[in-house]
Amino acid sequence: MLNWESRIMCCHNRKLTLGQCLERNLLIEQLCISPVGYFILYSLFLLYFSKIPKDNQTLKDKKKELFYASLMFAGCLAIFVILSSTAALLYYTVGVTSHNMGHYARVCGFASSIIVLIMWCPQIYTTYKLKGPGSLSIPMLCIQLPGSLLVVYFQISEGAEITTWGPYVITAIEQFILIIMCTIFTIQRRRQTSVIQKRREEEDRRLLHGKNNSDVIQNSQ
């Protein structure tokens, strides 16, 4: 993002309108909107966290779950502040075009790819164990997948390095895997439900037929 200083500074140019400035900084906005969205989601999760224990849960377990969630949120904020402060320090000391800044940006990009890969693995495993989407929103994945691919397309077309668009490629692949898994499990579950429903209808018919036969025999006697 720091390599696009000239694009960011265009907002101070009076010759460009607000729309033109936003269009010029589209790549930066694409990179910023995802973490901002996750920050809002996590904040809402903590704000509306249910403290009522569920089945096989105690109040102590619920408080512990909230504590760990808040601790993880604080840790993410701390990491964000440290990385941002380091980038700002390098920017104002060695400059944006220095080798140190380039190495730092690549390290952050590779670390982001690894974190994204690890982030989606538990969801894929949980979906496989549940044999269904559970609380996962399939429409949300169907919206995110083309969005990630569009971000990759724009980043590559503008000549961004693989460390910039690599995490979005990994995200798109894992989201595609989740969509395929959820679709297959949903179809299998509907087929199983249909088979069970047909069996119940056949059993009801047999019971009803047997009852009618017994009534006929009793009436003939």
C-alpha atoms as a PDB file:
ATOM      1  CA  MET A   1       0.000   0.000   0.000  1.00  0.00           C
ATOM      2  CA  LEU A   2       2.875   2.354   0.750  1.00  0.00           C
ATOM      3  CA  ASN A   3       4.082   1.985  -2.844  1.00  0.00           C
ATOM      4  CA  TRP A   4       0.889   3.731  -3.954  1.00  0.00           C
ATOM      5  CA  GLU A   5       1.734   6.974  -2.174  1.00  0.00           C
ATOM      6  CA  SER A   6       1.253   9.001  -5.347  1.00  0.00           C
ATOM      7  CA  ARG A   7      -2.243   7.625  -5.775  1.00  0.00           C
ATOM      8  CA  ILE A   8      -3.174   8.358  -2.181  1.00  0.00           C
ATOM      9  CA  MET A   9      -1.850  11.883  -2.462  1.00  0.00           C
ATOM     10  CA  CYS A  10      -4.042  12.517  -5.509  1.00  0.00           C
ATOM     11  CA  CYS A  11      -6.887  13.289  -3.116  1.00  0.00           C
ATOM     12  CA  HIS A  12      -5.112  16.572  -2.376  1.00  0.00           C
ATOM     13  CA  ASN A  13      -5.097  17.438  -6.072  1.00  0.00           C
ATOM     14  CA  ARG A  14      -7.957  19.816  -6.814  1.00  0.00           C
ATOM     15  CA  LYS A  15      -8.009  18.749 -10.464  1.00  0.00           C
ATOM     16  CA  LEU A  16      -9.493  15.358  -9.515  1.00  0.00           C
ATOM     17  CA  THR A  17     -13.053  14.931  -8.314  1.00  0.00           C
ATOM     18  CA  LEU A  18     -13.988  12.673  -5.425  1.00  0.00           C
ATOM     19  CA  GLY A  19     -15.197   9.961  -7.818  1.00  0.00           C
ATOM     20  CA  GLN A  20     -11.967  10.090  -9.823  1.00  0.00           C
ATOM     21  CA  CYS A  21      -9.906   9.894  -6.641  1.00  0.00           C
ATOM     22  CA  LEU A  22     -11.861   6.885  -5.385  1.00  0.00           C
ATOM     23  CA  GLU A  23     -11.470   5.187  -8.770  1.00  0.00           C
ATOM     24  CA  ARG A  24      -7.713   5.871  -8.761  1.00  0.00           C
ATOM     25  CA  ASN A  25      -7.369   4.321  -5.300  1.00  0.00           C
ATOM     26  CA  LEU A  26      -9.600   1.300  -6.008  1.00  0.00           C
ATOM     27  CA  LEU A  27      -6.811  -1.235  -5.388  1.00  0.00           C
ATOM     28  CA  ILE A  28      -6.022   0.241  -1.977  1.00  0.00           C
ATOM     29  CA  GLU A  29      -9.710   0.286  -1.080  1.00  0.00           C
ATOM     30  CA  GLN A  30     -10.006  -3.401  -2.024  1.00  0.00           C
ATOM     31  CA  LEU A  31      -7.174  -4.280   0.356  1.00  0.00           C
ATOM     32  CA  CYS A  32      -8.613  -2.206   3.201  1.00  0.00           C
ATOM     33  CA  ILE A  33     -12.273  -3.216   3.037  1.00  0.00           C
ATOM     34  CA  SER A  34     -11.683  -6.869   3.943  1.00  0.00           C
ATOM     35  CA  PRO A  35      -9.913  -6.300   7.313  1.00  0.00           C
ATOM     36  CA  VAL A  36     -12.369  -3.510   8.148  1.00  0.00           C
ATOM     37  CA  GLY A  37     -15.250  -5.917   7.504  1.00  0.00           C
ATOM     38  CA  TYR A  38     -13.691  -8.597   9.727  1.00  0.00           C
ATOM     39  CA  PHE A  39     -13.116  -5.996  12.447  1.00  0.00           C
ATOM     40  CA  ILE A  40     -16.785  -4.961  12.361  1.00  0.00           C
ATOM     41  CA  LEU A  41     -17.968  -8.598  12.419  1.00  0.00           C
ATOM     42  CA  TYR A  42     -15.732  -9.489  15.365  1.00  0.00           C
ATOM     43  CA  SER A  43     -16.811  -6.364  17.249  1.00  0.00           C
ATOM     44  CA  LEU A  44     -20.502  -7.238  16.730  1.00  0.00           C
ATOM     45  CA  PHE A  45     -19.799 -10.818  17.819  1.00  0.00           C
ATOM     46  CA  LEU A  46     -18.315  -9.627  21.109  1.00  0.00           C
ATOM     47  CA  LEU A  47     -21.005  -6.980  21.576  1.00  0.00           C
ATOM     48  CA  TYR A  48     -23.909  -9.415  21.157  1.00  0.00           C
ATOM     49  CA  PHE A  49     -22.198 -12.463  22.622  1.00  0.00           C
ATOM     50  CA  SER A  50     -24.812 -14.623  24.310  1.00  0.00           C
ATOM     51  CA  LYS A  51     -23.964 -15.275  27.968  1.00  0.00           C
ATOM     52  CA  ILE A  52     -26.738 -17.836  28.352  1.00  0.00           C
ATOM     53  CA  PRO A  53     -25.249 -21.359  28.599  1.00  0.00           C
ATOM     54  CA  LYS A  54     -26.266 -23.846  25.924  1.00  0.00           C
ATOM     55  CA  ASP A  55     -26.767 -27.583  26.316  1.00  0.00           C
ATOM     56  CA  ASN A  56     -23.994 -29.304  28.299  1.00  0.00           C
ATOM     57  CA  GLN A  57     -22.500 -25.894  29.143  1.00  0.00           C
ATOM     58  CA  THR A  58     -22.093 -24.061  32.421  1.00  0.00           C
ATOM     59  CA  LEU A  59     -21.953 -20.342  33.088  1.00  0.00           C
ATOM     60  CA  LYS A  60     -18.247 -20.707  33.810  1.00  0.00           C
ATOM     61  CA  ASP A  61     -17.645 -22.272  30.386  1.00  0.00           C
ATOM     62  CA  LYS A  62     -19.529 -19.429  28.729  1.00  0.00           C
ATOM     63  CA  LYS A  63     -17.468 -16.792  30.533  1.00  0.00           C
ATOM     64  CA  LYS A  64     -14.276 -18.616  29.593  1.00  0.00           C
ATOM     65  CA  GLU A  65     -15.351 -18.667  25.929  1.00  0.00           C
ATOM     66  CA  LEU A  66     -16.002 -14.912  26.017  1.00  0.00           C
ATOM     67  CA  PHE A  67     -12.634 -14.312  27.722  1.00  0.00           C
ATOM     68  CA  TYR A  68     -10.689 -16.216  25.051  1.00  0.00           C
ATOM     69  CA  ALA A  69     -12.604 -14.481  22.256  1.00  0.00           C
ATOM     70  CA  SER A  70     -11.841 -11.062  23.775  1.00  0.00           C
ATOM     71  CA  LEU A  71      -8.199 -12.050  24.306  1.00  0.00           C
ATOM     72  CA  MET A  72      -7.858 -13.096  20.658  1.00  0.00           C
ATOM     73  CA  PHE A  73      -9.453  -9.843  19.527  1.00  0.00           C
ATOM     74  CA  ALA A  74      -7.024  -7.841  21.649  1.00  0.00           C
ATOM     75  CA  GLY A  75      -4.121  -9.895  20.284  1.00  0.00           C
ATOM     76  CA  CYS A  76      -5.186  -9.194  16.691  1.00  0.00           C
ATOM     77  CA  LEU A  77      -5.385  -5.476  17.426  1.00  0.00           C
ATOM     78  CA  ALA A  78      -1.941  -5.561  19.059  1.00  0.00           C
ATOM     79  CA  ILE A  79      -0.422  -7.330  16.025  1.00  0.00           C
ATOM     80  CA  PHE A  80      -2.064  -4.788  13.709  1.00  0.00           C
ATOM     81  CA  VAL A  81      -0.621  -1.878  15.712  1.00  0.00           C
ATOM     82  CA  ILE A  82       2.863  -3.439  15.768  1.00  0.00           C
ATOM     83  CA  LEU A  83       2.899  -4.164  12.018  1.00  0.00           C
ATOM     84  CA  SER A  84       1.515  -0.730  11.153  1.00  0.00           C
ATOM     85  CA  SER A  85       4.018   1.008  13.447  1.00  0.00           C
ATOM     86  CA  THR A  86       6.912  -0.955  11.921  1.00  0.00           C
ATOM     87  CA  ALA A  87       5.775  -0.064   8.392  1.00  0.00           C
ATOM     88  CA  ALA A  88       5.429   3.610   9.327  1.00  0.00           C
ATOM     89  CA  LEU A  89       8.875   3.576  10.946  1.00  0.00           C
ATOM     90  CA  LEU A  90      10.490   2.083   7.846  1.00  0.00           C
ATOM     91  CA  TYR A  91       8.573   4.485   5.636  1.00  0.00           C
ATOM     92  CA  TYR A  92       9.831   7.607   7.425  1.00  0.00           C
ATOM     93  CA  THR A  93      13.370   6.351   8.026  1.00  0.00           C
ATOM     94  CA  VAL A  94      14.573   4.365   4.988  1.00  0.00           C
ATOM     95  CA  GLY A  95      11.886   5.300   2.447  1.00  0.00           C
ATOM     96  CA  VAL A  96       9.268   3.393   0.520  1.00  0.00           C
ATOM     97  CA  THR A  97      11.630   2.333  -2.295  1.00  0.00           C
ATOM     98  CA  SER A  98      14.321   0.826  -0.037  1.00  0.00           C
ATOM     99  CA  HIS A  99      15.178  -2.885   0.007  1.00  0.00           C
ATOM    100  CA  ASN A 100      14.260  -3.111   3.699  1.00  0.00           C
ATOM    101  CA  MET A 101      10.742  -1.903   2.991  1.00  0.00           C
ATOM    102  CA  GLY A 102      10.423  -4.351   0.087  1.00  0.00           C
ATOM    103  CA  HIS A 103      11.595  -7.282   2.232  1.00  0.00           C
ATOM    104  CA  TYR A 104       9.232  -6.281   5.036  1.00  0.00           C
ATOM    105  CA  ALA A 105       6.270  -6.082   2.625  1.00  0.00           C
ATOM    106  CA  ARG A 106       7.087  -9.522   1.152  1.00  0.00           C
ATOM    107  CA  VAL A 107       7.405 -11.100   4.604  1.00  0.00           C
ATOM    108  CA  CYS A 108       4.020  -9.660   5.585  1.00  0.00           C
ATOM    109  CA  GLY A 109       2.524 -10.944   2.324  1.00  0.00           C
ATOM    110  CA  PHE A 110       3.806 -14.500   2.806  1.00  0.00           C
ATOM    111  CA  ALA A 111       2.726 -14.460   6.462  1.00  0.00           C
ATOM    112  CA  SER A 112      -0.733 -13.318   5.382  1.00  0.00           C
ATOM    113  CA  SER A 113      -0.975 -16.215   2.901  1.00  0.00           C
ATOM    114  CA  ILE A 114      -0.062 -18.743   5.597  1.00  0.00           C
ATOM    115  CA  ILE A 115      -2.528 -17.228   8.079  1.00  0.00           C
ATOM    116  CA  VAL A 116      -5.344 -17.267   5.499  1.00  0.00           C
ATOM    117  CA  LEU A 117      -4.578 -20.909   4.701  1.00  0.00           C
ATOM    118  CA  ILE A 118      -4.714 -21.840   8.391  1.00  0.00           C
ATOM    119  CA  MET A 119      -7.798 -19.670   9.012  1.00  0.00           C
ATOM    120  CA  TRP A 120     -10.072 -21.602   6.639  1.00  0.00           C
ATOM    121  CA  CYS A 121      -8.796 -25.115   7.476  1.00  0.00           C
ATOM    122  CA  PRO A 122     -10.835 -25.455  10.737  1.00  0.00           C
ATOM    123  CA  GLN A 123     -13.997 -24.433   8.874  1.00  0.00           C
ATOM    124  CA  ILE A 124     -13.359 -27.009   6.143  1.00  0.00           C
ATOM    125  CA  TYR A 125     -12.743 -29.700   8.777  1.00  0.00           C
ATOM    126  CA  THR A 126     -15.870 -28.725  10.744  1.00  0.00           C
ATOM    127  CA  THR A 127     -17.996 -28.776   7.597  1.00  0.00           C
ATOM    128  CA  TYR A 128     -16.668 -32.228   6.739  1.00  0.00           C
ATOM    129  CA  LYS A 129     -17.389 -33.552  10.251  1.00  0.00           C
ATOM    130  CA  LEU A 130     -20.897 -32.089  10.350  1.00  0.00           C
ATOM    131  CA  LYS A 131     -21.647 -33.285   6.804  1.00  0.00           C
ATOM    132  CA  GLY A 132     -23.383 -29.975   6.249  1.00  0.00           C
ATOM    133  CA  PRO A 133     -22.889 -26.188   6.279  1.00  0.00           C
ATOM    134  CA  GLY A 134     -24.063 -25.787   9.887  1.00  0.00           C
ATOM    135  CA  SER A 135     -24.173 -22.057  10.666  1.00  0.00           C
ATOM    136  CA  LEU A 136     -22.019 -21.260   7.626  1.00  0.00           C
ATOM    137  CA  SER A 137     -23.784 -19.045   5.098  1.00  0.00           C
ATOM    138  CA  ILE A 138     -23.566 -20.484   1.584  1.00  0.00           C
ATOM    139  CA  PRO A 139     -24.879 -17.248  -0.065  1.00  0.00           C
ATOM    140  CA  MET A 140     -22.116 -15.326   1.710  1.00  0.00           C
ATOM    141  CA  LEU A 141     -19.493 -17.684   0.240  1.00  0.00           C
ATOM    142  CA  CYS A 142     -21.055 -17.367  -3.207  1.00  0.00           C
ATOM    143  CA  ILE A 143     -20.711 -13.575  -2.916  1.00  0.00           C
ATOM    144  CA  GLN A 144     -17.175 -13.648  -1.488  1.00  0.00           C
ATOM    145  CA  LEU A 145     -15.763 -16.036  -4.100  1.00  0.00           C
ATOM    146  CA  PRO A 146     -16.247 -13.816  -7.176  1.00  0.00           C
ATOM    147  CA  GLY A 147     -15.234 -10.821  -5.049  1.00  0.00           C
ATOM    148  CA  SER A 148     -11.896 -12.452  -4.221  1.00  0.00           C
ATOM    149  CA  LEU A 149     -11.343 -13.357  -7.877  1.00  0.00           C
ATOM    150  CA  LEU A 150     -12.072  -9.782  -8.951  1.00  0.00           C
ATOM    151  CA  VAL A 151      -9.566  -8.461  -6.426  1.00  0.00           C
ATOM    152  CA  VAL A 152      -6.943 -10.863  -7.820  1.00  0.00           C
ATOM    153  CA  TYR A 153      -7.730  -9.746 -11.374  1.00  0.00           C
ATOM    154  CA  PHE A 154      -7.395  -6.042 -10.567  1.00  0.00           C
ATOM    155  CA  GLN A 155      -4.204  -6.548  -8.564  1.00  0.00           C
ATOM    156  CA  ILE A 156      -2.535  -8.563 -11.343  1.00  0.00           C
ATOM    157  CA  SER A 157      -3.665  -6.108 -14.034  1.00  0.00           C
ATOM    158  CA  GLU A 158      -2.019  -3.286 -12.066  1.00  0.00           C
ATOM    159  CA  GLY A 159       1.245  -5.203 -11.726  1.00  0.00           C
ATOM    160  CA  ALA A 160       1.033  -5.991  -8.007  1.00  0.00           C
ATOM    161  CA  GLU A 161       3.343  -8.674  -6.618  1.00  0.00           C
ATOM    162  CA  ILE A 162       2.178 -12.166  -5.697  1.00  0.00           C
ATOM    163  CA  THR A 163       2.521 -11.329  -2.004  1.00  0.00           C
ATOM    164  CA  THR A 164      -0.321  -8.821  -2.485  1.00  0.00           C
ATOM    165  CA  TRP A 165      -2.868 -10.967  -4.314  1.00  0.00           C
ATOM    166  CA  GLY A 166      -1.660 -14.402  -3.134  1.00  0.00           C
ATOM    167  CA  PRO A 167      -3.834 -14.450   0.022  1.00  0.00           C
ATOM    168  CA  TYR A 168      -6.923 -13.716  -2.086  1.00  0.00           C
ATOM    169  CA  VAL A 169      -6.127 -16.665  -4.379  1.00  0.00           C
ATOM    170  CA  ILE A 170      -5.868 -18.971  -1.351  1.00  0.00           C
ATOM    171  CA  THR A 171      -9.103 -17.541   0.041  1.00  0.00           C
ATOM    172  CA  ALA A 172     -10.907 -18.099  -3.270  1.00  0.00           C
ATOM    173  CA  ILE A 173      -9.676 -21.720  -3.497  1.00  0.00           C
ATOM    174  CA  GLU A 174     -10.780 -22.567   0.043  1.00  0.00           C
ATOM    175  CA  GLN A 175     -14.125 -20.817  -0.415  1.00  0.00           C
ATOM    176  CA  PHE A 176     -14.666 -22.819  -3.608  1.00  0.00           C
ATOM    177  CA  ILE A 177     -13.890 -26.030  -1.683  1.00  0.00           C
ATOM    178  CA  LEU A 178     -16.419 -25.056   1.010  1.00  0.00           C
ATOM    179  CA  ILE A 179     -19.102 -24.255  -1.568  1.00  0.00           C
ATOM    180  CA  ILE A 180     -18.614 -27.644  -3.268  1.00  0.00           C
ATOM    181  CA  MET A 181     -18.661 -29.481   0.088  1.00  0.00           C
ATOM    182  CA  CYS A 182     -21.766 -27.658   1.325  1.00  0.00           C
ATOM    183  CA  THR A 183     -23.568 -28.228  -1.982  1.00  0.00           C
ATOM    184  CA  ILE A 184     -22.785 -31.967  -1.988  1.00  0.00           C
ATOM    185  CA  PHE A 185     -23.766 -32.431   1.671  1.00  0.00           C
ATOM    186  CA  THR A 186     -26.975 -30.429   1.183  1.00  0.00           C
ATOM    187  CA  ILE A 187     -27.986 -32.573  -1.812  1.00  0.00           C
ATOM    188  CA  GLN A 188     -27.179 -35.781   0.092  1.00  0.00           C
ATOM    189  CA  ARG A 189     -29.189 -34.621   3.102  1.00  0.00           C
ATOM    190  CA  ARG A 190     -32.204 -33.766   0.953  1.00  0.00           C
ATOM    191  CA  ARG A 191     -32.039 -37.166  -0.724  1.00  0.00           C
ATOM    192  CA  GLN A 192     -31.810 -38.908   2.653  1.00  0.00           C
ATOM    193  CA  THR A 193     -34.747 -36.857   3.949  1.00  0.00           C
ATOM    194  CA  SER A 194     -36.767 -37.748   0.842  1.00  0.00           C
ATOM    195  CA  VAL A 195     -35.987 -41.467   1.260  1.00  0.00           C
ATOM    196  CA  ILE A 196     -36.920 -41.402   4.960  1.00  0.00           C
ATOM    197  CA  GLN A 197     -40.152 -39.546   4.185  1.00  0.00           C
ATOM    198  CA  LYS A 198     -41.091 -42.110   1.504  1.00  0.00           C
ATOM    199  CA  ARG A 199     -40.418 -44.975   3.922  1.00  0.00           C
ATOM    200  CA  ARG A 200     -42.618 -43.362   6.556  1.00  0.00           C
ATOM    201  CA  GLU A 201     -45.411 -42.880   4.021  1.00  0.00           C
ATOM    202  CA  GLU A 202     -45.157 -46.535   2.979  1.00  0.00           C
ATOM    203  CA  GLU A 203     -45.265 -47.664   6.629  1.00  0.00           C
ATOM    204  CA  ASP A 204     -48.292 -45.441   7.259  1.00  0.00           C
ATOM    205  CA  ARG A 205     -50.028 -46.936   4.231  1.00  0.00           C
ATOM    206  CA  ARG A 206     -49.274 -50.477   5.401  1.00  0.00           C
ATOM    207  CA  LEU A 207     -50.563 -49.732   8.891  1.00  0.00           C
ATOM    208  CA  LEU A 208     -53.671 -48.086   7.468  1.00  0.00           C
ATOM    209  CA  HIS A 209     -54.247 -51.013   5.078  1.00  0.00           C
ATOM    210  CA  GLY A 210     -53.832 -53.530   7.905  1.00  0.00           C
ATOM    211  CA  LYS A 211     -56.229 -51.584  10.098  1.00  0.00           C
ATOM    212  CA  ASN A 212     -58.838 -51.484   7.331  1.00  0.00           C
ATOM    213  CA  ASN A 213     -58.519 -55.250   6.800  1.00  0.00           C
ATOM    214  CA  SER A 214     -58.992 -55.918  10.517  1.00  0.00           C
ATOM    215  CA  ASP A 215     -62.072 -53.672  10.554  1.00  0.00           C
ATOM    216  CA  VAL A 216     -63.530 -55.557   7.578  1.00  0.00           C
ATOM    217  CA  ILE A 217     -62.930 -58.931   9.298  1.00  0.00           C
ATOM    218  CA  GLN A 218     -64.569 -57.706  12.531  1.00  0.00           C
ATOM    219  CA  ASN A 219     -67.607 -56.374  10.647  1.00  0.00           C
ATOM    220  CA  SER A 220     -68.021 -59.673   8.715  1.00  0.00           C
ATOM    221  CA  GLN A 221     -68.010 -61.601  11.988  1.00  0.00           C
END
